[in-house]
Amino acid sequence: MHIDGTTRMVGIIGSPLEHTLSPVIHNAAFDYLGLNWCYVPLPVDPGFLQQAVDGIKALRFTGVNITMPFKTDIIPLLDEVAMFAESVGAVNTILIDKGRLIGYNTDGRGFYTALVRDLSYEVKGRRVLVLGAGGASRSVTVSLALAGCGSIVIVNRSPERSRQLAEIIVKSAPDIEVSWLSPEDNYDIVVAESDVIINATPLTTFNGDLRVPVSLLNKNQLVCDLNYSLYQPPLLQEAEARGAQVMDGKGMLLYQAAAAFEIWTGLEAPVEVMRVALLRALEEAHI
């Protein structure tokens, strides 16, 4: 990589960023296409988001990704927010165009693209169970609702957050059937009857508040875990052992990055180059 006075800068704002793989993925794409661009991590402590936004504008960044804990807090600081990002109430990608900050959310697109491109999975009419009601759950469930899934059941510790998510989903897709349960409820029958089960929490084991009775998983289901590593999370290991189709979070990470790349550059992302870089980085980090 050659960096000079004409290098276009992009990066990622969040905290912590020690384990982010985004620089590896994007810089591999820039190198492959011969673009004089550079992607850098920009760790920002909570309470300094406004200063960070002022900084990227002053330093003439072309764009940035936004990760935790700022995906919601960034919205009031933007000049424009794309429709999907506004719907889910979270932004993970910013384009800086002539000094104006435009916010996007590519997480939902990344998840849906992984389903379609990597698994050839049709979501229309499917019954979805999602664990968690945070930012990742918002993006994923709204994307599935817009794609025509039949129903969504939310399981989350906070009834208020579940209610908020249900309202967001219904506002985006008024005809969809949405309900929510608490971890204390018996939702075994929901697990058994769901077509798609998604873990949208940071948890990779479910012996505590959120239960997944793995004995009820079956070959007719797709089980997804938005966490990612070189190795399958325990939930997916159990699901695959029972014949279910499985998908972890690597595809979502890859395709949301590709979508951000295309927003910034206006070019088609070299997805397979980015995929190889992602897998190599995971292997080197032993994640």
C-alpha atoms as a PDB file:
ATOM      1  CA  MET A   1       0.000   0.000   0.000  1.00  0.00           C
ATOM      2  CA  HIS A   2       1.340   3.417  -1.002  1.00  0.00           C
ATOM      3  CA  ILE A   3       0.038   6.395   0.971  1.00  0.00           C
ATOM      4  CA  ASP A   4       0.590   9.941  -0.253  1.00  0.00           C
ATOM      5  CA  GLY A   5      -1.148  13.308  -0.348  1.00  0.00           C
ATOM      6  CA  THR A   6      -3.815  12.070  -2.747  1.00  0.00           C
ATOM      7  CA  THR A   7      -4.835   8.962  -0.752  1.00  0.00           C
ATOM      8  CA  ARG A   8      -8.584   8.798  -0.066  1.00  0.00           C
ATOM      9  CA  MET A   9      -9.266   8.014   3.587  1.00  0.00           C
ATOM     10  CA  VAL A  10     -12.059   5.922   5.090  1.00  0.00           C
ATOM     11  CA  GLY A  11     -12.265   4.147   8.417  1.00  0.00           C
ATOM     12  CA  ILE A  12     -14.327   2.878  11.324  1.00  0.00           C
ATOM     13  CA  ILE A  13     -15.457   4.778  14.436  1.00  0.00           C
ATOM     14  CA  GLY A  14     -16.261   2.812  17.582  1.00  0.00           C
ATOM     15  CA  SER A  15     -15.017   1.528  20.911  1.00  0.00           C
ATOM     16  CA  PRO A  16     -13.338  -0.868  21.343  1.00  0.00           C
ATOM     17  CA  LEU A  17     -11.759  -1.573  17.960  1.00  0.00           C
ATOM     18  CA  GLU A  18      -8.888  -3.882  18.869  1.00  0.00           C
ATOM     19  CA  HIS A  19     -10.443  -6.854  17.082  1.00  0.00           C
ATOM     20  CA  THR A  20     -12.107  -5.179  14.096  1.00  0.00           C
ATOM     21  CA  LEU A  21     -11.500  -6.973  10.793  1.00  0.00           C
ATOM     22  CA  SER A  22     -12.869  -4.166   8.634  1.00  0.00           C
ATOM     23  CA  PRO A  23      -9.456  -2.605   7.803  1.00  0.00           C
ATOM     24  CA  VAL A  24      -8.183  -5.940   6.495  1.00  0.00           C
ATOM     25  CA  ILE A  25     -11.297  -6.551   4.378  1.00  0.00           C
ATOM     26  CA  HIS A  26     -11.440  -3.078   2.817  1.00  0.00           C
ATOM     27  CA  ASN A  27      -7.721  -2.567   2.265  1.00  0.00           C
ATOM     28  CA  ALA A  28      -7.560  -5.920   0.458  1.00  0.00           C
ATOM     29  CA  ALA A  29     -10.272  -4.665  -1.901  1.00  0.00           C
ATOM     30  CA  PHE A  30      -8.502  -1.341  -2.479  1.00  0.00           C
ATOM     31  CA  ASP A  31      -5.207  -3.096  -3.221  1.00  0.00           C
ATOM     32  CA  TYR A  32      -6.860  -5.554  -5.614  1.00  0.00           C
ATOM     33  CA  LEU A  33      -8.497  -2.782  -7.631  1.00  0.00           C
ATOM     34  CA  GLY A  34      -5.424  -0.554  -7.521  1.00  0.00           C
ATOM     35  CA  LEU A  35      -7.244   2.228  -5.684  1.00  0.00           C
ATOM     36  CA  ASN A  36      -5.249   4.818  -3.773  1.00  0.00           C
ATOM     37  CA  TRP A  37      -7.489   4.454  -0.716  1.00  0.00           C
ATOM     38  CA  CYS A  38      -6.749   3.540   2.897  1.00  0.00           C
ATOM     39  CA  TYR A  39      -9.075   2.252   5.654  1.00  0.00           C
ATOM     40  CA  VAL A  40      -8.048   2.894   9.264  1.00  0.00           C
ATOM     41  CA  PRO A  41      -9.517   2.188  12.726  1.00  0.00           C
ATOM     42  CA  LEU A  42     -10.583   5.348  14.586  1.00  0.00           C
ATOM     43  CA  PRO A  43     -11.177   4.488  18.269  1.00  0.00           C
ATOM     44  CA  VAL A  44     -13.429   7.087  19.891  1.00  0.00           C
ATOM     45  CA  ASP A  45     -14.333   7.156  23.562  1.00  0.00           C
ATOM     46  CA  PRO A  46     -17.986   7.647  24.530  1.00  0.00           C
ATOM     47  CA  GLY A  47     -18.715  11.354  24.911  1.00  0.00           C
ATOM     48  CA  PHE A  48     -16.426  12.373  22.030  1.00  0.00           C
ATOM     49  CA  LEU A  49     -18.579  11.444  19.044  1.00  0.00           C
ATOM     50  CA  GLN A  50     -19.251  15.046  17.995  1.00  0.00           C
ATOM     51  CA  GLN A  51     -15.523  15.798  18.005  1.00  0.00           C
ATOM     52  CA  ALA A  52     -14.892  12.674  15.945  1.00  0.00           C
ATOM     53  CA  VAL A  53     -17.454  13.750  13.347  1.00  0.00           C
ATOM     54  CA  ASP A  54     -15.911  17.202  13.166  1.00  0.00           C
ATOM     55  CA  GLY A  55     -12.510  15.552  12.775  1.00  0.00           C
ATOM     56  CA  ILE A  56     -13.379  13.309   9.843  1.00  0.00           C
ATOM     57  CA  LYS A  57     -14.939  16.272   8.045  1.00  0.00           C
ATOM     58  CA  ALA A  58     -11.901  18.467   8.702  1.00  0.00           C
ATOM     59  CA  LEU A  59      -9.537  15.695   7.572  1.00  0.00           C
ATOM     60  CA  ARG A  60     -11.538  15.202   4.342  1.00  0.00           C
ATOM     61  CA  PHE A  61     -12.463  11.574   4.898  1.00  0.00           C
ATOM     62  CA  THR A  62     -14.633  10.102   2.158  1.00  0.00           C
ATOM     63  CA  GLY A  63     -16.609   8.024   4.631  1.00  0.00           C
ATOM     64  CA  VAL A  64     -16.574   5.875   7.731  1.00  0.00           C
ATOM     65  CA  ASN A  65     -18.228   2.847   9.222  1.00  0.00           C
ATOM     66  CA  ILE A  66     -19.900   3.277  12.612  1.00  0.00           C
ATOM     67  CA  THR A  67     -19.918   0.460  15.130  1.00  0.00           C
ATOM     68  CA  MET A  68     -20.840   0.041  18.788  1.00  0.00           C
ATOM     69  CA  PRO A  69     -21.667   2.034  20.808  1.00  0.00           C
ATOM     70  CA  PHE A  70     -22.494   4.801  18.320  1.00  0.00           C
ATOM     71  CA  LYS A  71     -24.890   3.370  15.704  1.00  0.00           C
ATOM     72  CA  THR A  72     -27.859   5.210  17.206  1.00  0.00           C
ATOM     73  CA  ASP A  73     -26.094   8.230  18.702  1.00  0.00           C
ATOM     74  CA  ILE A  74     -24.644   9.209  15.328  1.00  0.00           C
ATOM     75  CA  ILE A  75     -28.030   9.892  13.717  1.00  0.00           C
ATOM     76  CA  PRO A  76     -28.660  13.431  15.085  1.00  0.00           C
ATOM     77  CA  LEU A  77     -25.207  14.450  13.836  1.00  0.00           C
ATOM     78  CA  LEU A  78     -25.935  13.580  10.188  1.00  0.00           C
ATOM     79  CA  ASP A  79     -27.258  15.799   7.409  1.00  0.00           C
ATOM     80  CA  GLU A  80     -29.283  13.018   5.770  1.00  0.00           C
ATOM     81  CA  VAL A  81     -30.292   9.448   6.641  1.00  0.00           C
ATOM     82  CA  ALA A  82     -31.257   6.830   4.051  1.00  0.00           C
ATOM     83  CA  MET A  83     -34.714   5.309   4.375  1.00  0.00           C
ATOM     84  CA  PHE A  84     -33.700   1.869   5.665  1.00  0.00           C
ATOM     85  CA  ALA A  85     -31.320   3.329   8.267  1.00  0.00           C
ATOM     86  CA  GLU A  86     -34.040   5.713   9.416  1.00  0.00           C
ATOM     87  CA  SER A  87     -36.501   2.823   9.681  1.00  0.00           C
ATOM     88  CA  VAL A  88     -34.265   0.737  11.936  1.00  0.00           C
ATOM     89  CA  GLY A  89     -32.915   3.704  13.869  1.00  0.00           C
ATOM     90  CA  ALA A  90     -29.278   2.761  13.353  1.00  0.00           C
ATOM     91  CA  VAL A  91     -26.471   3.828  11.005  1.00  0.00           C
ATOM     92  CA  ASN A  92     -23.329   1.812  10.308  1.00  0.00           C
ATOM     93  CA  THR A  93     -22.001   3.596   7.204  1.00  0.00           C
ATOM     94  CA  ILE A  94     -21.496   7.284   6.437  1.00  0.00           C
ATOM     95  CA  LEU A  95     -20.704   8.855   3.082  1.00  0.00           C
ATOM     96  CA  ILE A  96     -19.218  12.353   3.200  1.00  0.00           C
ATOM     97  CA  ASP A  97     -20.298  14.126   0.019  1.00  0.00           C
ATOM     98  CA  LYS A  98     -19.189  17.750  -0.392  1.00  0.00           C
ATOM     99  CA  GLY A  99     -19.142  18.179   3.365  1.00  0.00           C
ATOM    100  CA  ARG A 100     -22.562  16.589   3.926  1.00  0.00           C
ATOM    101  CA  LEU A 101     -22.801  13.438   6.041  1.00  0.00           C
ATOM    102  CA  ILE A 102     -25.217  10.837   4.680  1.00  0.00           C
ATOM    103  CA  GLY A 103     -26.033   7.824   6.858  1.00  0.00           C
ATOM    104  CA  TYR A 104     -26.793   4.283   5.681  1.00  0.00           C
ATOM    105  CA  ASN A 105     -27.327   0.908   7.294  1.00  0.00           C
ATOM    106  CA  THR A 106     -25.787  -1.982   5.359  1.00  0.00           C
ATOM    107  CA  ASP A 107     -26.179  -4.621   8.110  1.00  0.00           C
ATOM    108  CA  GLY A 108     -29.639  -5.775   7.005  1.00  0.00           C
ATOM    109  CA  ARG A 109     -28.562  -5.839   3.379  1.00  0.00           C
ATOM    110  CA  GLY A 110     -25.493  -7.841   4.378  1.00  0.00           C
ATOM    111  CA  PHE A 111     -27.543 -10.471   6.192  1.00  0.00           C
ATOM    112  CA  TYR A 112     -30.117 -10.801   3.428  1.00  0.00           C
ATOM    113  CA  THR A 113     -27.418 -10.980   0.724  1.00  0.00           C
ATOM    114  CA  ALA A 114     -25.687 -13.786   2.629  1.00  0.00           C
ATOM    115  CA  LEU A 115     -28.954 -15.727   2.754  1.00  0.00           C
ATOM    116  CA  VAL A 116     -29.635 -15.320  -0.941  1.00  0.00           C
ATOM    117  CA  ARG A 117     -26.137 -15.471  -2.432  1.00  0.00           C
ATOM    118  CA  ASP A 118     -24.482 -18.033  -0.191  1.00  0.00           C
ATOM    119  CA  LEU A 119     -27.455 -20.262   0.708  1.00  0.00           C
ATOM    120  CA  SER A 120     -29.985 -19.542  -2.078  1.00  0.00           C
ATOM    121  CA  TYR A 121     -32.541 -19.275   0.721  1.00  0.00           C
ATOM    122  CA  GLU A 122     -36.057 -17.927   0.062  1.00  0.00           C
ATOM    123  CA  VAL A 123     -37.456 -16.033   3.061  1.00  0.00           C
ATOM    124  CA  LYS A 124     -40.910 -15.280   1.688  1.00  0.00           C
ATOM    125  CA  GLY A 125     -43.604 -16.629   4.016  1.00  0.00           C
ATOM    126  CA  ARG A 126     -41.106 -18.026   6.548  1.00  0.00           C
ATOM    127  CA  ARG A 127     -41.712 -17.993  10.305  1.00  0.00           C
ATOM    128  CA  VAL A 128     -38.803 -16.254  12.043  1.00  0.00           C
ATOM    129  CA  LEU A 129     -37.676 -16.439  15.672  1.00  0.00           C
ATOM    130  CA  VAL A 130     -35.046 -13.891  16.714  1.00  0.00           C
ATOM    131  CA  LEU A 131     -33.157 -13.815  20.012  1.00  0.00           C
ATOM    132  CA  GLY A 132     -32.304 -10.249  21.010  1.00  0.00           C
ATOM    133  CA  ALA A 133     -33.755  -6.839  20.225  1.00  0.00           C
ATOM    134  CA  GLY A 134     -30.657  -4.687  19.767  1.00  0.00           C
ATOM    135  CA  GLY A 135     -29.234  -2.963  16.711  1.00  0.00           C
ATOM    136  CA  ALA A 136     -28.306  -6.159  14.869  1.00  0.00           C
ATOM    137  CA  SER A 137     -31.759  -7.601  15.468  1.00  0.00           C
ATOM    138  CA  ARG A 138     -33.387  -4.423  14.162  1.00  0.00           C
ATOM    139  CA  SER A 139     -31.476  -4.473  10.892  1.00  0.00           C
ATOM    140  CA  VAL A 140     -31.962  -8.184  10.294  1.00  0.00           C
ATOM    141  CA  THR A 141     -35.655  -8.394  11.173  1.00  0.00           C
ATOM    142  CA  VAL A 142     -36.646  -5.338   9.145  1.00  0.00           C
ATOM    143  CA  SER A 143     -34.756  -6.676   6.124  1.00  0.00           C
ATOM    144  CA  LEU A 144     -36.595 -10.012   6.471  1.00  0.00           C
ATOM    145  CA  ALA A 145     -39.941  -8.248   6.915  1.00  0.00           C
ATOM    146  CA  LEU A 146     -39.362  -6.202   3.762  1.00  0.00           C
ATOM    147  CA  ALA A 147     -38.426  -9.420   1.933  1.00  0.00           C
ATOM    148  CA  GLY A 148     -41.824 -10.890   2.804  1.00  0.00           C
ATOM    149  CA  CYS A 149     -41.299 -13.283   5.705  1.00  0.00           C
ATOM    150  CA  GLY A 150     -44.571 -14.475   7.215  1.00  0.00           C
ATOM    151  CA  SER A 151     -44.104 -13.738  10.926  1.00  0.00           C
ATOM    152  CA  ILE A 152     -41.491 -12.709  13.487  1.00  0.00           C
ATOM    153  CA  VAL A 153     -41.307 -13.670  17.167  1.00  0.00           C
ATOM    154  CA  ILE A 154     -38.862 -11.708  19.345  1.00  0.00           C
ATOM    155  CA  VAL A 155     -37.376 -13.164  22.537  1.00  0.00           C
ATOM    156  CA  ASN A 156     -35.595 -10.590  24.680  1.00  0.00           C
ATOM    157  CA  ARG A 157     -35.034  -9.760  28.340  1.00  0.00           C
ATOM    158  CA  SER A 158     -36.454  -6.231  28.015  1.00  0.00           C
ATOM    159  CA  PRO A 159     -40.173  -6.105  27.086  1.00  0.00           C
ATOM    160  CA  GLU A 160     -39.804  -2.406  26.248  1.00  0.00           C
ATOM    161  CA  ARG A 161     -37.058  -3.033  23.715  1.00  0.00           C
ATOM    162  CA  SER A 162     -39.064  -5.897  22.233  1.00  0.00           C
ATOM    163  CA  ARG A 163     -42.096  -3.628  21.901  1.00  0.00           C
ATOM    164  CA  GLN A 164     -39.995  -0.926  20.231  1.00  0.00           C
ATOM    165  CA  LEU A 165     -38.579  -3.442  17.775  1.00  0.00           C
ATOM    166  CA  ALA A 166     -42.049  -4.810  17.006  1.00  0.00           C
ATOM    167  CA  GLU A 167     -43.247  -1.273  16.236  1.00  0.00           C
ATOM    168  CA  ILE A 168     -40.279  -0.691  13.928  1.00  0.00           C
ATOM    169  CA  ILE A 169     -40.979  -3.920  12.041  1.00  0.00           C
ATOM    170  CA  VAL A 170     -44.706  -3.249  11.647  1.00  0.00           C
ATOM    171  CA  LYS A 171     -44.064   0.327  10.514  1.00  0.00           C
ATOM    172  CA  SER A 172     -41.816  -1.020   7.738  1.00  0.00           C
ATOM    173  CA  ALA A 173     -44.098  -3.952   6.819  1.00  0.00           C
ATOM    174  CA  PRO A 174     -47.647  -3.308   8.145  1.00  0.00           C
ATOM    175  CA  ASP A 175     -49.029  -6.720   7.143  1.00  0.00           C
ATOM    176  CA  ILE A 176     -46.492  -8.798   9.029  1.00  0.00           C
ATOM    177  CA  GLU A 177     -47.416 -10.696  12.211  1.00  0.00           C
ATOM    178  CA  VAL A 178     -45.072  -9.735  15.058  1.00  0.00           C
ATOM    179  CA  SER A 179     -45.088 -10.865  18.700  1.00  0.00           C
ATOM    180  CA  TRP A 180     -42.620 -10.990  21.563  1.00  0.00           C
ATOM    181  CA  LEU A 181     -41.843 -13.155  24.560  1.00  0.00           C
ATOM    182  CA  SER A 182     -39.616 -12.918  27.607  1.00  0.00           C
ATOM    183  CA  PRO A 183     -36.989 -15.549  28.442  1.00  0.00           C
ATOM    184  CA  GLU A 184     -39.195 -16.680  31.335  1.00  0.00           C
ATOM    185  CA  ASP A 185     -41.963 -17.673  28.925  1.00  0.00           C
ATOM    186  CA  ASN A 186     -42.130 -21.213  27.593  1.00  0.00           C
ATOM    187  CA  TYR A 187     -41.394 -20.792  23.904  1.00  0.00           C
ATOM    188  CA  ASP A 188     -40.390 -24.359  23.106  1.00  0.00           C
ATOM    189  CA  ILE A 189     -43.219 -24.716  20.624  1.00  0.00           C
ATOM    190  CA  VAL A 190     -42.087 -21.521  18.854  1.00  0.00           C
ATOM    191  CA  VAL A 191     -38.587 -22.971  18.490  1.00  0.00           C
ATOM    192  CA  ALA A 192     -39.960 -26.220  17.090  1.00  0.00           C
ATOM    193  CA  GLU A 193     -42.283 -24.497  14.595  1.00  0.00           C
ATOM    194  CA  SER A 194     -39.983 -21.706  13.369  1.00  0.00           C
ATOM    195  CA  ASP A 195     -38.484 -21.924   9.902  1.00  0.00           C
ATOM    196  CA  VAL A 196     -35.643 -19.513  10.708  1.00  0.00           C
ATOM    197  CA  ILE A 197     -33.991 -19.075  14.132  1.00  0.00           C
ATOM    198  CA  ILE A 198     -31.549 -16.192  14.556  1.00  0.00           C
ATOM    199  CA  ASN A 199     -29.242 -15.462  17.467  1.00  0.00           C
ATOM    200  CA  ALA A 200     -28.775 -11.683  17.315  1.00  0.00           C
ATOM    201  CA  THR A 201     -27.162 -11.441  20.774  1.00  0.00           C
ATOM    202  CA  PRO A 202     -23.453 -11.540  21.692  1.00  0.00           C
ATOM    203  CA  LEU A 203     -24.120 -14.809  23.558  1.00  0.00           C
ATOM    204  CA  THR A 204     -22.855 -17.990  21.956  1.00  0.00           C
ATOM    205  CA  THR A 205     -24.098 -20.363  24.665  1.00  0.00           C
ATOM    206  CA  PHE A 206     -27.619 -20.446  26.056  1.00  0.00           C
ATOM    207  CA  ASN A 207     -27.549 -21.914  29.536  1.00  0.00           C
ATOM    208  CA  GLY A 208     -28.641 -18.646  31.178  1.00  0.00           C
ATOM    209  CA  ASP A 209     -31.494 -16.246  30.491  1.00  0.00           C
ATOM    210  CA  LEU A 210     -32.000 -17.030  26.819  1.00  0.00           C
ATOM    211  CA  ARG A 211     -32.830 -20.668  26.232  1.00  0.00           C
ATOM    212  CA  VAL A 212     -32.576 -22.566  22.978  1.00  0.00           C
ATOM    213  CA  PRO A 213     -33.812 -26.138  23.514  1.00  0.00           C
ATOM    214  CA  VAL A 214     -31.540 -27.663  20.890  1.00  0.00           C
ATOM    215  CA  SER A 215     -33.347 -31.003  21.047  1.00  0.00           C
ATOM    216  CA  LEU A 216     -36.226 -29.298  19.216  1.00  0.00           C
ATOM    217  CA  LEU A 217     -34.099 -28.153  16.269  1.00  0.00           C
ATOM    218  CA  ASN A 218     -34.700 -30.102  13.074  1.00  0.00           C
ATOM    219  CA  LYS A 219     -33.707 -30.605   9.444  1.00  0.00           C
ATOM    220  CA  ASN A 220     -36.392 -28.262   8.110  1.00  0.00           C
ATOM    221  CA  GLN A 221     -34.918 -25.203   9.785  1.00  0.00           C
ATOM    222  CA  LEU A 222     -32.304 -22.566   9.070  1.00  0.00           C
ATOM    223  CA  VAL A 223     -30.409 -21.578  12.216  1.00  0.00           C
ATOM    224  CA  CYS A 224     -28.293 -18.406  12.144  1.00  0.00           C
ATOM    225  CA  ASP A 225     -25.865 -16.945  14.651  1.00  0.00           C
ATOM    226  CA  LEU A 226     -24.657 -13.404  13.913  1.00  0.00           C
ATOM    227  CA  ASN A 227     -21.462 -14.052  15.882  1.00  0.00           C
ATOM    228  CA  TYR A 228     -18.528 -15.188  13.760  1.00  0.00           C
ATOM    229  CA  SER A 229     -15.205 -16.968  14.040  1.00  0.00           C
ATOM    230  CA  LEU A 230     -13.275 -19.604  12.148  1.00  0.00           C
ATOM    231  CA  TYR A 231     -15.277 -22.176  14.056  1.00  0.00           C
ATOM    232  CA  GLN A 232     -19.011 -22.644  14.343  1.00  0.00           C
ATOM    233  CA  PRO A 233     -20.679 -21.266  17.492  1.00  0.00           C
ATOM    234  CA  PRO A 234     -22.132 -23.989  19.767  1.00  0.00           C
ATOM    235  CA  LEU A 235     -25.710 -23.242  18.686  1.00  0.00           C
ATOM    236  CA  LEU A 236     -24.842 -23.938  15.063  1.00  0.00           C
ATOM    237  CA  GLN A 237     -22.922 -27.084  15.949  1.00  0.00           C
ATOM    238  CA  GLU A 238     -26.002 -28.428  17.731  1.00  0.00           C
ATOM    239  CA  ALA A 239     -28.305 -27.374  14.897  1.00  0.00           C
ATOM    240  CA  GLU A 240     -26.146 -28.934  12.187  1.00  0.00           C
ATOM    241  CA  ALA A 241     -25.927 -32.184  14.155  1.00  0.00           C
ATOM    242  CA  ARG A 242     -29.714 -32.335  13.930  1.00  0.00           C
ATOM    243  CA  GLY A 243     -29.737 -31.750  10.190  1.00  0.00           C
ATOM    244  CA  ALA A 244     -30.588 -28.040  10.143  1.00  0.00           C
ATOM    245  CA  GLN A 245     -29.074 -25.640   7.631  1.00  0.00           C
ATOM    246  CA  VAL A 246     -26.798 -23.164   9.408  1.00  0.00           C
ATOM    247  CA  MET A 247     -25.195 -19.755   8.821  1.00  0.00           C
ATOM    248  CA  ASP A 248     -22.882 -17.727  11.046  1.00  0.00           C
ATOM    249  CA  GLY A 249     -22.104 -14.008  10.920  1.00  0.00           C
ATOM    250  CA  LYS A 250     -19.173 -14.054   8.490  1.00  0.00           C
ATOM    251  CA  GLY A 251     -21.422 -13.606   5.466  1.00  0.00           C
ATOM    252  CA  MET A 252     -23.232 -10.663   7.030  1.00  0.00           C
ATOM    253  CA  LEU A 253     -19.898  -9.028   7.911  1.00  0.00           C
ATOM    254  CA  LEU A 254     -18.596  -9.580   4.386  1.00  0.00           C
ATOM    255  CA  TYR A 255     -21.627  -8.309   2.490  1.00  0.00           C
ATOM    256  CA  GLN A 256     -22.255  -5.293   4.714  1.00  0.00           C
ATOM    257  CA  ALA A 257     -18.617  -4.332   4.060  1.00  0.00           C
ATOM    258  CA  ALA A 258     -19.105  -4.830   0.320  1.00  0.00           C
ATOM    259  CA  ALA A 259     -22.187  -2.593   0.393  1.00  0.00           C
ATOM    260  CA  ALA A 260     -20.259   0.134   2.247  1.00  0.00           C
ATOM    261  CA  PHE A 261     -17.398  -0.177  -0.260  1.00  0.00           C
ATOM    262  CA  GLU A 262     -19.827   0.408  -3.125  1.00  0.00           C
ATOM    263  CA  ILE A 263     -21.442   3.412  -1.397  1.00  0.00           C
ATOM    264  CA  TRP A 264     -18.032   5.069  -0.985  1.00  0.00           C
ATOM    265  CA  THR A 265     -16.366   4.189  -4.275  1.00  0.00           C
ATOM    266  CA  GLY A 266     -19.246   3.766  -6.723  1.00  0.00           C
ATOM    267  CA  LEU A 267     -17.516   0.562  -7.884  1.00  0.00           C
ATOM    268  CA  GLU A 268     -18.550  -3.082  -7.655  1.00  0.00           C
ATOM    269  CA  ALA A 269     -16.924  -4.647  -4.612  1.00  0.00           C
ATOM    270  CA  PRO A 270     -14.506  -7.565  -5.239  1.00  0.00           C
ATOM    271  CA  VAL A 271     -16.436  -9.792  -2.844  1.00  0.00           C
ATOM    272  CA  GLU A 272     -14.341 -12.940  -3.197  1.00  0.00           C
ATOM    273  CA  VAL A 273     -11.121 -10.995  -2.576  1.00  0.00           C
ATOM    274  CA  MET A 274     -12.722  -9.545   0.543  1.00  0.00           C
ATOM    275  CA  ARG A 275     -13.899 -13.012   1.621  1.00  0.00           C
ATOM    276  CA  VAL A 276     -10.390 -14.456   1.373  1.00  0.00           C
ATOM    277  CA  ALA A 277      -8.987 -11.527   3.361  1.00  0.00           C
ATOM    278  CA  LEU A 278     -11.636 -12.031   6.062  1.00  0.00           C
ATOM    279  CA  LEU A 279     -10.964 -15.755   6.434  1.00  0.00           C
ATOM    280  CA  ARG A 280      -7.206 -15.220   6.464  1.00  0.00           C
ATOM    281  CA  ALA A 281      -7.530 -12.551   9.157  1.00  0.00           C
ATOM    282  CA  LEU A 282      -9.670 -14.836  11.309  1.00  0.00           C
ATOM    283  CA  GLU A 283      -7.122 -17.618  10.935  1.00  0.00           C
ATOM    284  CA  GLU A 284      -4.193 -15.367  11.813  1.00  0.00           C
ATOM    285  CA  ALA A 285      -6.030 -13.956  14.829  1.00  0.00           C
ATOM    286  CA  HIS A 286      -7.147 -17.458  15.924  1.00  0.00           C
ATOM    287  CA  ILE A 287     -10.655 -16.067  16.395  1.00  0.00           C
END
